[in-house]
Amino acid sequence: MSNAKDKACANCAKADLECTFHDDALQEDIPRSYIKSLNDHIQGLSSQLALHEHNVEAVATTAVSNEPGPPSYILMPRIGHYMHIDRSPASLMAMLAFEALSASDKSLDLAEPDDCDSVVPEVSKDRSCLTPSTVRYLLSRYDRCIRLHYDILPRELLRQDGMSLKKLSELERFKVLMACAIAAVRESYRYPTWKTLAHICRDWANESLTPIVLIGDGESLTAILLVLIYELMDPSRGISWELLDLAMRMSLQLGWHRTSQVAEFDHVSSASVGAGDIHDPRSSQVRLMSALKAVEGSLRMIFNRPSMLSESKLPAISDDDTMFQQYMRLSDMIYGTGQVYVTRGCPFIGQLATMMELLENHPTTQHPLIRESWLLFFPLCIKHKQCTVCFQEMDDYTGKGMRTLRHKVVDAASQLLMSLHREMNGKDSFVPPLTACSRAFMSGCTIVTAISKRWTLLQLHVQDLIRCTEALTLYAPHWKGGAEYLHVWKSLTELLDTA
């Protein structure tokens, strides 16, 4: 109908007639009511569209707020730079520890720690300080402390008297110098003056590295492994991943990852290879591939990196290999393809329960790998809400359930710190800074969280907190990532003091 308030419709309204408009395009008279219905329909659709856009925005905002953040991974994007506090077991435990201590009103300053480049001083290149007696001492320290873990060099070579170092062949001189460099770095943990000699040996050996590696044979792999072990001992250069990848490619090119010769020596241990085996290519192959697997395994545990030797047919040479495989399988169940942590599943169900029984019944429960395996359950103790399977009464100290699991995890962390502290102070012990910092940091985060969650008492773990601080303080100056571990650990202990 006509609108009496509209001047254009005044005449139609007086006659009680409906307004019409002539459409020149259609050559038709269009009634005003039709146009009004179209306008009403447009307004209705606009309102629905606006409401829909608001709902979409609200859902998107909720999704963003619930998402833990963009995934980040352990990457070494360029030489000389490490990113150690990232998507790894250590970083996950640190985040859980901060969440547990978040009730504190104390503001937390997580600014970047100071650069640690200053702890690597400029050293003299005077090779005259490498006296025969010094060479003999360092080779003996390598034989006693390093060879047990990475049996790369035969003992015959380690018996050099150091009198004719310059008269040795380029290859033998390289091996002797790298053995001295590795031993000197280990000595520098307690006596920093040895770092100068380690740099001299490393730089001298570096002059022969390129021609040895370019040959592409077993000796080339030996050279790469020696440099890699030195990098594990002194990670200040930040080239561990590059060297590991190079060693992996070399072993693949040589075909040693699938050779049948290794299978003939599946019961050969590192200690059984003596001086008489120096010219046996099969025993040399076993030693080198065992060392490569050990180095790769230690880095995989710290940084949660996939293996490049996953398709290899190398046998398990030692019990450590079996325990390491169990650790990686357990880690994959919880944080990898099993997605138990993502779904916050119960650790007492399925294959995870089977793995837990294997850890409980393992003959060497005091081994560091077994204790680190227990630490993998720690995030589940935080995130999983007790269900009918894992529920345990507060006064139940002997049954199977979440309360017992928490106790085992905390006990494993405490025992791991204790054994690490003994190795730190042992005369002939050997723990690379990467491994030491990772073990101390994860154990410390576990204990701090357990204290804040009231799973245990602070009085029972004062010594553990001190041991963790001592370990991180000792090893932090030797690599950039150590400063990050120590910085975050100090922040956690400050929060614990104010909680």
Protein backbone atom coordinates (compact mmCIF):
# COMPACT_ATOMS: atom_id res chain seq x y z
CA MET A 1 0.00 0.00 0.00
CA SER A 2 0.96 3.66 -0.38
CA ASN A 3 2.87 5.41 2.38
CA ALA A 4 1.03 8.60 3.35
CA LYS A 5 4.19 10.05 4.90
CA ASP A 6 6.04 9.86 1.60
CA LYS A 7 5.35 12.99 -0.50
CA ALA A 8 5.67 10.95 -3.69
CA CYS A 9 2.81 8.74 -2.54
CA ALA A 10 0.53 11.49 -1.18
CA ASN A 11 -1.92 11.46 -4.08
CA CYS A 12 -2.16 7.67 -4.14
CA ALA A 13 -2.72 7.58 -0.41
CA LYS A 14 -5.60 10.04 -0.62
CA ALA A 15 -7.30 7.84 -3.22
CA ASP A 16 -6.46 4.67 -1.28
CA LEU A 17 -4.58 3.34 -4.30
CA GLU A 18 -1.39 1.29 -4.48
CA CYS A 19 1.67 3.08 -5.80
CA THR A 20 3.22 1.74 -8.96
CA PHE A 21 6.45 2.57 -10.73
CA HIS A 22 7.04 2.12 -14.41
CA ASP A 23 10.09 0.03 -15.25
CA ASP A 24 11.44 1.20 -18.59
CA ALA A 25 13.55 -1.90 -19.01
CA LEU A 26 10.69 -4.32 -18.46
CA GLN A 27 8.10 -1.96 -19.80
CA GLU A 28 5.92 -2.89 -16.86
CA ASP A 29 4.34 -1.19 -13.86
CA ILE A 30 5.96 -2.49 -10.64
CA PRO A 31 3.85 -2.14 -7.47
CA ARG A 32 5.46 -0.55 -4.44
CA SER A 33 4.60 -3.55 -2.26
CA TYR A 34 6.80 -5.77 -4.42
CA ILE A 35 9.76 -3.46 -4.03
CA LYS A 36 9.18 -3.28 -0.29
CA SER A 37 9.14 -7.08 -0.03
CA LEU A 38 12.43 -7.23 -1.90
CA ASN A 39 13.99 -4.71 0.48
CA ASP A 40 12.72 -6.63 3.50
CA HIS A 41 14.15 -9.85 2.10
CA ILE A 42 17.51 -8.20 1.46
CA GLN A 43 17.65 -6.87 5.02
CA GLY A 44 16.81 -10.32 6.38
CA LEU A 45 19.57 -11.96 4.37
CA SER A 46 22.03 -9.25 5.44
CA SER A 47 21.20 -9.89 9.09
CA GLN A 48 21.73 -13.63 8.71
CA LEU A 49 25.02 -13.07 6.88
CA ALA A 50 26.26 -10.74 9.59
CA LEU A 51 25.32 -13.27 12.28
CA HIS A 52 27.08 -16.06 10.37
CA GLU A 53 30.27 -14.02 10.01
CA HIS A 54 30.22 -13.29 13.75
CA ASN A 55 29.92 -17.00 14.57
CA VAL A 56 32.76 -17.91 12.22
CA GLU A 57 34.97 -15.27 13.81
CA ALA A 58 34.11 -16.53 17.29
CA VAL A 59 34.91 -20.13 16.34
CA ALA A 60 38.19 -19.08 14.76
CA THR A 61 39.13 -17.09 17.84
CA THR A 62 38.37 -20.05 20.08
CA ALA A 63 40.40 -22.36 17.88
CA VAL A 64 43.36 -20.04 17.95
CA SER A 65 43.18 -19.66 21.72
CA ASN A 66 43.02 -23.41 22.28
CA GLU A 67 45.80 -24.24 19.85
CA PRO A 68 49.15 -24.64 21.62
CA GLY A 69 50.91 -22.57 18.97
CA PRO A 70 52.65 -23.23 15.71
CA PRO A 71 54.68 -26.43 15.83
CA SER A 72 58.40 -25.92 16.14
CA TYR A 73 61.15 -28.44 15.79
CA ILE A 74 64.82 -28.84 16.58
CA LEU A 75 66.60 -27.23 13.66
CA MET A 76 70.20 -26.28 13.11
CA PRO A 77 69.61 -23.75 10.30
CA ARG A 78 73.19 -22.63 9.95
CA ILE A 79 76.62 -23.52 11.21
CA GLY A 80 77.41 -22.23 14.65
CA HIS A 81 73.82 -21.90 15.88
CA TYR A 82 71.88 -24.28 18.11
CA MET A 83 68.22 -24.21 19.11
CA HIS A 84 68.08 -26.58 22.05
CA ILE A 85 65.06 -25.45 24.06
CA ASP A 86 62.45 -26.37 21.48
CA ARG A 87 60.12 -29.24 20.51
CA SER A 88 61.97 -31.95 22.43
CA PRO A 89 61.43 -33.91 25.66
CA ALA A 90 63.41 -31.27 27.54
CA SER A 91 61.28 -28.40 26.26
CA LEU A 92 58.04 -30.26 26.98
CA MET A 93 59.08 -30.90 30.57
CA ALA A 94 60.12 -27.28 30.96
CA MET A 95 56.72 -26.06 29.77
CA LEU A 96 54.94 -28.41 32.16
CA ALA A 97 57.13 -27.22 35.02
CA PHE A 98 56.28 -23.58 34.26
CA GLU A 99 52.58 -24.46 34.11
CA ALA A 100 52.80 -26.14 37.50
CA LEU A 101 54.50 -23.08 38.98
CA SER A 102 52.27 -20.56 37.22
CA ALA A 103 50.32 -19.86 40.41
CA SER A 104 53.24 -17.81 41.65
CA ASP A 105 52.78 -14.03 41.51
CA LYS A 106 56.45 -13.53 40.73
CA SER A 107 57.00 -12.13 37.25
CA LEU A 108 59.17 -14.33 35.08
CA ASP A 109 61.88 -12.85 32.90
CA LEU A 110 62.72 -15.22 30.07
CA ALA A 111 64.97 -12.87 28.17
CA GLU A 112 67.65 -14.41 26.04
CA PRO A 113 70.71 -15.49 28.04
CA ASP A 114 74.02 -13.84 27.46
CA ASP A 115 76.01 -15.05 24.48
CA CYS A 116 78.48 -17.73 25.46
CA ASP A 117 81.03 -16.98 22.75
CA SER A 118 83.17 -15.23 25.34
CA VAL A 119 83.87 -18.53 27.12
CA VAL A 120 85.93 -19.71 24.13
CA PRO A 121 89.05 -17.56 24.34
CA GLU A 122 91.52 -16.88 21.58
CA VAL A 123 94.34 -19.35 22.03
CA SER A 124 97.93 -19.47 20.96
CA LYS A 125 98.84 -21.66 17.98
CA ASP A 126 102.24 -22.60 19.37
CA ARG A 127 102.58 -26.34 18.79
CA SER A 128 105.74 -26.62 20.84
CA CYS A 129 103.64 -27.07 23.98
CA LEU A 130 102.55 -30.47 22.66
CA THR A 131 105.49 -32.29 24.19
CA PRO A 132 105.97 -36.08 23.99
CA SER A 133 105.01 -36.50 27.64
CA THR A 134 101.82 -34.51 27.03
CA VAL A 135 100.96 -36.66 24.00
CA ARG A 136 101.48 -39.85 26.01
CA TYR A 137 99.33 -38.55 28.85
CA LEU A 138 96.47 -37.50 26.57
CA LEU A 139 96.54 -40.77 24.63
CA SER A 140 96.37 -42.68 27.90
CA ARG A 141 93.40 -40.56 29.01
CA TYR A 142 91.67 -41.22 25.68
CA ASP A 143 92.24 -44.96 26.08
CA ARG A 144 90.92 -44.95 29.63
CA CYS A 145 87.98 -42.53 29.33
CA ILE A 146 86.83 -42.29 25.71
CA ARG A 147 87.60 -45.60 24.04
CA LEU A 148 85.18 -47.52 26.23
CA HIS A 149 82.30 -45.46 24.83
CA TYR A 150 83.47 -44.86 21.25
CA ASP A 151 85.88 -47.57 20.16
CA ILE A 152 87.16 -45.93 16.98
CA LEU A 153 90.93 -46.11 17.31
CA PRO A 154 92.82 -49.36 17.95
CA ARG A 155 94.98 -49.55 21.04
CA GLU A 156 98.15 -50.00 18.99
CA LEU A 157 97.81 -46.44 17.74
CA LEU A 158 97.17 -45.13 21.25
CA ARG A 159 100.55 -46.47 22.39
CA GLN A 160 102.50 -43.82 20.51
CA ASP A 161 105.39 -42.42 22.49
CA GLY A 162 104.93 -38.92 21.07
CA MET A 163 108.60 -38.62 20.13
CA SER A 164 108.17 -38.65 16.36
CA LEU A 165 104.80 -37.03 15.83
CA LYS A 166 105.89 -35.10 12.75
CA LYS A 167 107.39 -38.21 11.19
CA LEU A 168 104.14 -40.14 11.25
CA SER A 169 102.08 -40.52 8.11
CA GLU A 170 99.44 -37.87 7.55
CA LEU A 171 96.65 -40.29 8.47
CA GLU A 172 98.27 -41.58 11.66
CA ARG A 173 99.25 -38.07 12.77
CA PHE A 174 95.66 -36.95 12.23
CA LYS A 175 94.33 -39.76 14.42
CA VAL A 176 96.83 -39.10 17.19
CA LEU A 177 96.12 -35.36 17.17
CA MET A 178 92.35 -35.86 17.27
CA ALA A 179 92.66 -38.36 20.13
CA CYS A 180 94.75 -35.81 22.03
CA ALA A 181 92.25 -33.06 21.24
CA ILE A 182 89.30 -35.12 22.49
CA ALA A 183 91.11 -36.09 25.69
CA ALA A 184 92.22 -32.49 26.29
CA VAL A 185 88.64 -31.23 25.94
CA ARG A 186 87.51 -33.73 28.54
CA GLU A 187 90.25 -32.57 30.90
CA SER A 188 89.22 -28.94 30.34
CA TYR A 189 85.88 -29.51 32.08
CA ARG A 190 87.71 -29.41 35.40
CA TYR A 191 90.92 -27.67 34.36
CA PRO A 192 90.17 -24.97 31.74
CA THR A 193 93.82 -24.56 30.76
CA TRP A 194 93.55 -27.80 28.77
CA LYS A 195 91.18 -26.07 26.34
CA THR A 196 94.13 -24.24 24.76
CA LEU A 197 95.90 -27.50 23.99
CA ALA A 198 92.69 -29.03 22.66
CA HIS A 199 92.36 -26.18 20.16
CA ILE A 200 95.97 -26.56 19.07
CA CYS A 201 95.55 -30.29 18.40
CA ARG A 202 92.21 -29.79 16.66
CA ASP A 203 93.49 -27.04 14.37
CA TRP A 204 96.64 -28.97 13.54
CA ALA A 205 94.64 -32.07 12.67
CA ASN A 206 92.26 -29.98 10.58
CA GLU A 207 95.06 -29.36 8.06
CA SER A 208 94.90 -33.02 7.03
CA LEU A 209 91.14 -33.52 7.28
CA THR A 210 90.06 -32.59 3.74
CA PRO A 211 92.38 -34.93 1.77
CA ILE A 212 91.56 -37.82 4.12
CA VAL A 213 87.80 -37.35 3.78
CA LEU A 214 87.96 -36.98 -0.01
CA ILE A 215 89.31 -40.52 -0.37
CA GLY A 216 85.91 -41.88 0.66
CA ASP A 217 86.99 -45.10 2.38
CA GLY A 218 86.86 -46.49 5.90
CA GLU A 219 89.62 -44.18 7.06
CA SER A 220 87.53 -41.25 5.85
CA LEU A 221 84.68 -42.39 8.08
CA THR A 222 87.13 -42.76 10.97
CA ALA A 223 88.27 -39.17 10.49
CA ILE A 224 84.71 -37.85 10.39
CA LEU A 225 83.76 -39.76 13.53
CA LEU A 226 86.77 -38.40 15.42
CA VAL A 227 85.83 -34.84 14.50
CA LEU A 228 82.21 -35.57 15.42
CA ILE A 229 83.16 -36.87 18.86
CA TYR A 230 85.30 -33.79 19.39
CA GLU A 231 82.26 -31.68 18.49
CA LEU A 232 80.18 -33.58 21.06
CA MET A 233 82.82 -32.80 23.66
CA ASP A 234 83.20 -29.16 22.59
CA PRO A 235 79.98 -28.13 20.78
CA SER A 236 80.95 -24.46 20.54
CA ARG A 237 81.25 -24.65 16.74
CA GLY A 238 77.69 -25.88 16.33
CA ILE A 239 78.37 -28.39 13.53
CA SER A 240 77.24 -31.65 15.16
CA TRP A 241 74.37 -32.23 12.74
CA GLU A 242 76.47 -31.45 9.67
CA LEU A 243 79.15 -33.91 10.76
CA LEU A 244 76.59 -36.58 11.65
CA ASP A 245 74.93 -36.25 8.24
CA LEU A 246 78.33 -36.49 6.55
CA ALA A 247 79.19 -39.64 8.51
CA MET A 248 75.81 -41.16 7.65
CA ARG A 249 76.25 -40.49 3.95
CA MET A 250 79.75 -41.94 4.04
CA SER A 251 78.53 -45.17 5.67
CA LEU A 252 75.74 -45.45 3.11
CA GLN A 253 78.18 -44.94 0.24
CA LEU A 254 80.44 -47.64 1.65
CA GLY A 255 77.44 -49.96 2.01
CA TRP A 256 78.31 -50.72 5.61
CA HIS A 257 74.73 -50.25 6.77
CA ARG A 258 73.63 -53.48 5.02
CA THR A 259 76.78 -55.54 4.68
CA SER A 260 76.65 -59.20 5.65
CA GLN A 261 80.11 -58.96 7.17
CA VAL A 262 78.77 -57.13 10.18
CA ALA A 263 76.25 -59.90 10.83
CA GLU A 264 79.13 -62.34 11.32
CA PHE A 265 80.26 -60.21 14.24
CA ASP A 266 76.92 -59.62 15.92
CA HIS A 267 78.30 -60.90 19.20
CA VAL A 268 81.49 -58.85 19.06
CA SER A 269 81.66 -56.17 21.74
CA SER A 270 83.76 -53.06 21.69
CA ALA A 271 86.03 -54.35 24.42
CA SER A 272 86.82 -57.57 22.53
CA VAL A 273 88.54 -55.80 19.65
CA GLY A 274 92.23 -55.71 20.49
CA ALA A 275 95.46 -54.63 18.91
CA GLY A 276 95.62 -57.75 16.77
CA ASP A 277 92.50 -56.68 14.92
CA ILE A 278 93.91 -53.42 13.61
CA HIS A 279 94.22 -54.75 10.06
CA ASP A 280 90.97 -56.73 10.08
CA PRO A 281 88.50 -54.70 7.96
CA ARG A 282 85.54 -56.53 9.43
CA SER A 283 86.40 -55.71 13.05
CA SER A 284 87.18 -52.11 12.04
CA GLN A 285 83.80 -51.95 10.37
CA VAL A 286 82.07 -53.17 13.52
CA ARG A 287 83.87 -50.61 15.67
CA LEU A 288 83.11 -47.67 13.41
CA MET A 289 79.45 -48.51 12.84
CA SER A 290 78.95 -49.13 16.56
CA ALA A 291 80.41 -45.71 17.32
CA LEU A 292 78.25 -44.09 14.65
CA LYS A 293 75.12 -45.71 16.06
CA ALA A 294 76.06 -44.59 19.58
CA VAL A 295 76.61 -40.97 18.53
CA GLU A 296 73.41 -40.86 16.51
CA GLY A 297 71.46 -42.45 19.34
CA SER A 298 72.60 -39.90 21.92
CA LEU A 299 71.61 -37.01 19.65
CA ARG A 300 68.26 -38.60 18.78
CA MET A 301 67.38 -38.94 22.45
CA ILE A 302 68.14 -35.29 23.12
CA PHE A 303 66.54 -33.72 20.05
CA ASN A 304 63.89 -36.30 19.07
CA ARG A 305 65.28 -36.56 15.55
CA PRO A 306 64.40 -39.47 13.20
CA SER A 307 67.14 -41.94 12.36
CA MET A 308 68.95 -42.02 9.03
CA LEU A 309 69.84 -45.67 9.69
CA SER A 310 66.27 -46.83 10.23
CA GLU A 311 66.48 -49.18 7.23
CA SER A 312 69.87 -50.60 8.15
CA LYS A 313 70.40 -54.27 8.89
CA LEU A 314 72.99 -53.74 11.57
CA PRO A 315 72.69 -56.20 14.46
CA ALA A 316 72.29 -55.15 18.07
CA ILE A 317 75.86 -55.40 19.33
CA SER A 318 75.30 -54.48 22.96
CA ASP A 319 72.63 -54.31 25.61
CA ASP A 320 72.67 -50.54 25.25
CA ASP A 321 71.33 -50.92 21.71
CA THR A 322 68.36 -52.92 22.98
CA MET A 323 67.60 -50.39 25.72
CA PHE A 324 67.94 -47.54 23.26
CA GLN A 325 65.50 -49.19 20.86
CA GLN A 326 63.01 -49.59 23.72
CA TYR A 327 63.45 -45.92 24.61
CA MET A 328 62.78 -44.76 21.06
CA ARG A 329 59.79 -47.10 20.70
CA LEU A 330 58.34 -45.78 23.96
CA SER A 331 58.94 -42.19 22.85
CA ASP A 332 57.16 -42.86 19.56
CA MET A 333 54.17 -44.38 21.36
CA ILE A 334 53.75 -41.38 23.63
CA TYR A 335 54.77 -38.43 21.47
CA GLY A 336 54.93 -39.83 17.93
CA THR A 337 52.63 -42.05 15.92
CA GLY A 338 50.97 -43.44 19.06
CA GLN A 339 49.73 -39.94 20.00
CA VAL A 340 49.10 -40.98 23.60
CA TYR A 341 50.20 -37.57 24.86
CA VAL A 342 48.07 -35.70 22.32
CA THR A 343 44.97 -37.69 23.27
CA ARG A 344 45.96 -37.70 26.96
CA GLY A 345 45.48 -41.44 27.03
CA CYS A 346 45.97 -43.73 29.99
CA PRO A 347 49.49 -45.19 30.28
CA PHE A 348 48.13 -48.39 31.81
CA ILE A 349 46.34 -49.49 28.63
CA GLY A 350 47.62 -51.32 25.56
CA GLN A 351 51.22 -51.39 24.37
CA LEU A 352 52.21 -48.63 26.75
CA ALA A 353 51.34 -50.84 29.70
CA THR A 354 53.46 -53.61 28.17
CA MET A 355 56.42 -51.25 27.81
CA MET A 356 55.99 -50.21 31.44
CA GLU A 357 56.20 -53.84 32.53
CA LEU A 358 59.38 -54.28 30.49
CA LEU A 359 60.96 -51.35 32.30
CA GLU A 360 59.90 -52.70 35.70
CA ASN A 361 61.31 -56.17 34.97
CA HIS A 362 64.47 -55.09 33.16
CA PRO A 363 67.59 -56.70 34.69
CA THR A 364 69.51 -53.38 34.70
CA THR A 365 66.98 -50.98 36.19
CA GLN A 366 69.80 -48.65 37.31
CA HIS A 367 71.01 -47.97 33.78
CA PRO A 368 70.63 -44.30 32.69
CA LEU A 369 68.65 -45.34 29.60
CA ILE A 370 66.08 -47.11 31.78
CA ARG A 371 65.77 -44.10 34.05
CA GLU A 372 65.39 -41.75 31.10
CA SER A 373 62.69 -44.06 29.75
CA TRP A 374 60.73 -43.57 32.97
CA LEU A 375 60.97 -39.80 32.52
CA LEU A 376 59.03 -40.13 29.26
CA PHE A 377 55.94 -40.94 31.35
CA PHE A 378 56.22 -37.66 33.26
CA PRO A 379 54.05 -35.52 30.90
CA LEU A 380 51.33 -38.19 31.03
CA CYS A 381 51.36 -37.96 34.82
CA ILE A 382 50.48 -34.29 34.39
CA LYS A 383 47.99 -34.32 31.53
CA HIS A 384 46.09 -37.59 31.98
CA LYS A 385 43.14 -37.38 34.33
CA GLN A 386 42.86 -40.52 36.41
CA CYS A 387 40.40 -43.00 34.97
CA THR A 388 38.98 -46.28 36.26
CA VAL A 389 42.09 -48.11 35.01
CA CYS A 390 44.75 -45.98 36.70
CA PHE A 391 42.85 -44.63 39.71
CA GLN A 392 44.66 -45.18 42.98
CA GLU A 393 43.66 -44.22 46.50
CA MET A 394 45.80 -41.70 48.36
CA ASP A 395 46.80 -44.28 50.98
CA ASP A 396 47.63 -46.98 48.39
CA TYR A 397 51.42 -47.19 48.13
CA THR A 398 51.84 -50.67 46.65
CA GLY A 399 49.21 -51.07 43.93
CA LYS A 400 49.45 -50.18 40.26
CA GLY A 401 48.11 -46.79 39.36
CA MET A 402 48.91 -43.17 38.71
CA ARG A 403 50.21 -42.55 42.22
CA THR A 404 52.74 -45.37 41.91
CA LEU A 405 53.76 -44.22 38.43
CA ARG A 406 54.42 -40.71 39.68
CA HIS A 407 56.59 -42.09 42.45
CA LYS A 408 58.61 -44.17 39.97
CA VAL A 409 59.11 -41.21 37.64
CA VAL A 410 60.29 -38.93 40.45
CA ASP A 411 62.56 -41.66 41.82
CA ALA A 412 64.06 -42.19 38.35
CA ALA A 413 64.77 -38.46 38.07
CA SER A 414 66.44 -38.43 41.48
CA GLN A 415 68.55 -41.50 40.71
CA LEU A 416 69.53 -40.10 37.31
CA LEU A 417 70.80 -36.91 38.93
CA MET A 418 72.72 -38.92 41.50
CA SER A 419 74.45 -41.08 38.90
CA LEU A 420 75.20 -38.03 36.75
CA HIS A 421 76.76 -36.30 39.75
CA ARG A 422 79.00 -39.34 40.34
CA GLU A 423 80.08 -39.34 36.71
CA MET A 424 80.81 -35.62 36.86
CA ASN A 425 83.19 -36.15 39.74
CA GLY A 426 84.64 -39.46 38.56
CA LYS A 427 88.30 -39.47 37.58
CA ASP A 428 87.83 -41.56 34.44
CA SER A 429 84.14 -40.94 33.67
CA PHE A 430 82.93 -39.49 30.41
CA VAL A 431 79.70 -37.55 29.81
CA PRO A 432 79.38 -35.18 26.82
CA PRO A 433 77.94 -31.75 27.67
CA LEU A 434 74.89 -32.34 25.45
CA THR A 435 73.96 -35.53 27.27
CA ALA A 436 74.77 -34.20 30.73
CA CYS A 437 72.70 -31.04 30.32
CA SER A 438 69.75 -32.94 28.88
CA ARG A 439 69.68 -35.50 31.69
CA ALA A 440 70.11 -32.89 34.41
CA PHE A 441 67.53 -30.52 32.94
CA MET A 442 64.80 -33.12 32.40
CA SER A 443 65.35 -34.64 35.83
CA GLY A 444 65.32 -31.23 37.47
CA CYS A 445 62.09 -30.19 35.73
CA THR A 446 60.47 -33.44 36.84
CA ILE A 447 61.40 -32.93 40.48
CA VAL A 448 60.43 -29.24 40.52
CA THR A 449 57.02 -30.08 39.08
CA ALA A 450 56.53 -32.96 41.51
CA ILE A 451 57.26 -30.64 44.43
CA SER A 452 54.83 -27.98 43.21
CA LYS A 453 52.15 -30.64 42.59
CA ARG A 454 52.75 -31.97 46.12
CA TRP A 455 53.62 -35.43 44.87
CA THR A 456 56.69 -35.27 47.07
CA LEU A 457 58.28 -33.04 49.70
CA LEU A 458 60.91 -30.41 49.03
CA GLN A 459 62.98 -31.64 51.95
CA LEU A 460 63.50 -34.99 50.21
CA HIS A 461 65.00 -33.44 47.08
CA VAL A 462 67.15 -30.53 48.20
CA GLN A 463 70.28 -32.45 47.22
CA ASP A 464 68.76 -33.29 43.84
CA LEU A 465 68.15 -29.62 43.10
CA ILE A 466 71.73 -28.84 44.08
CA ARG A 467 73.09 -31.62 41.87
CA CYS A 468 71.07 -30.35 38.91
CA THR A 469 72.39 -26.83 39.39
CA GLU A 470 75.97 -28.08 39.69
CA ALA A 471 75.71 -30.17 36.53
CA LEU A 472 74.24 -27.38 34.42
CA THR A 473 76.73 -24.88 35.83
CA LEU A 474 79.65 -27.18 35.01
CA TYR A 475 78.67 -27.97 31.42
CA ALA A 476 76.84 -24.79 30.37
CA PRO A 477 79.99 -22.77 29.54
CA HIS A 478 81.05 -25.35 26.96
CA TRP A 479 78.23 -24.80 24.46
CA LYS A 480 75.56 -22.28 23.57
CA GLY A 481 72.64 -24.56 24.33
CA GLY A 482 73.93 -25.10 27.84
CA ALA A 483 73.40 -21.43 28.62
CA GLU A 484 69.74 -21.79 27.62
CA TYR A 485 69.28 -24.83 29.85
CA LEU A 486 70.92 -23.08 32.79
CA HIS A 487 68.92 -19.87 32.25
CA VAL A 488 65.58 -21.69 32.22
CA TRP A 489 66.58 -23.83 35.20
CA LYS A 490 67.42 -20.76 37.28
CA SER A 491 64.04 -19.29 36.38
CA LEU A 492 62.30 -22.47 37.53
CA THR A 493 64.13 -22.55 40.85
CA GLU A 494 63.27 -18.89 41.46
CA LEU A 495 59.60 -19.67 40.88
CA LEU A 496 59.84 -22.67 43.20
CA ASP A 497 61.24 -20.47 45.96
CA THR A 498 58.27 -18.11 45.71
CA ALA A 499 55.57 -20.73 45.17
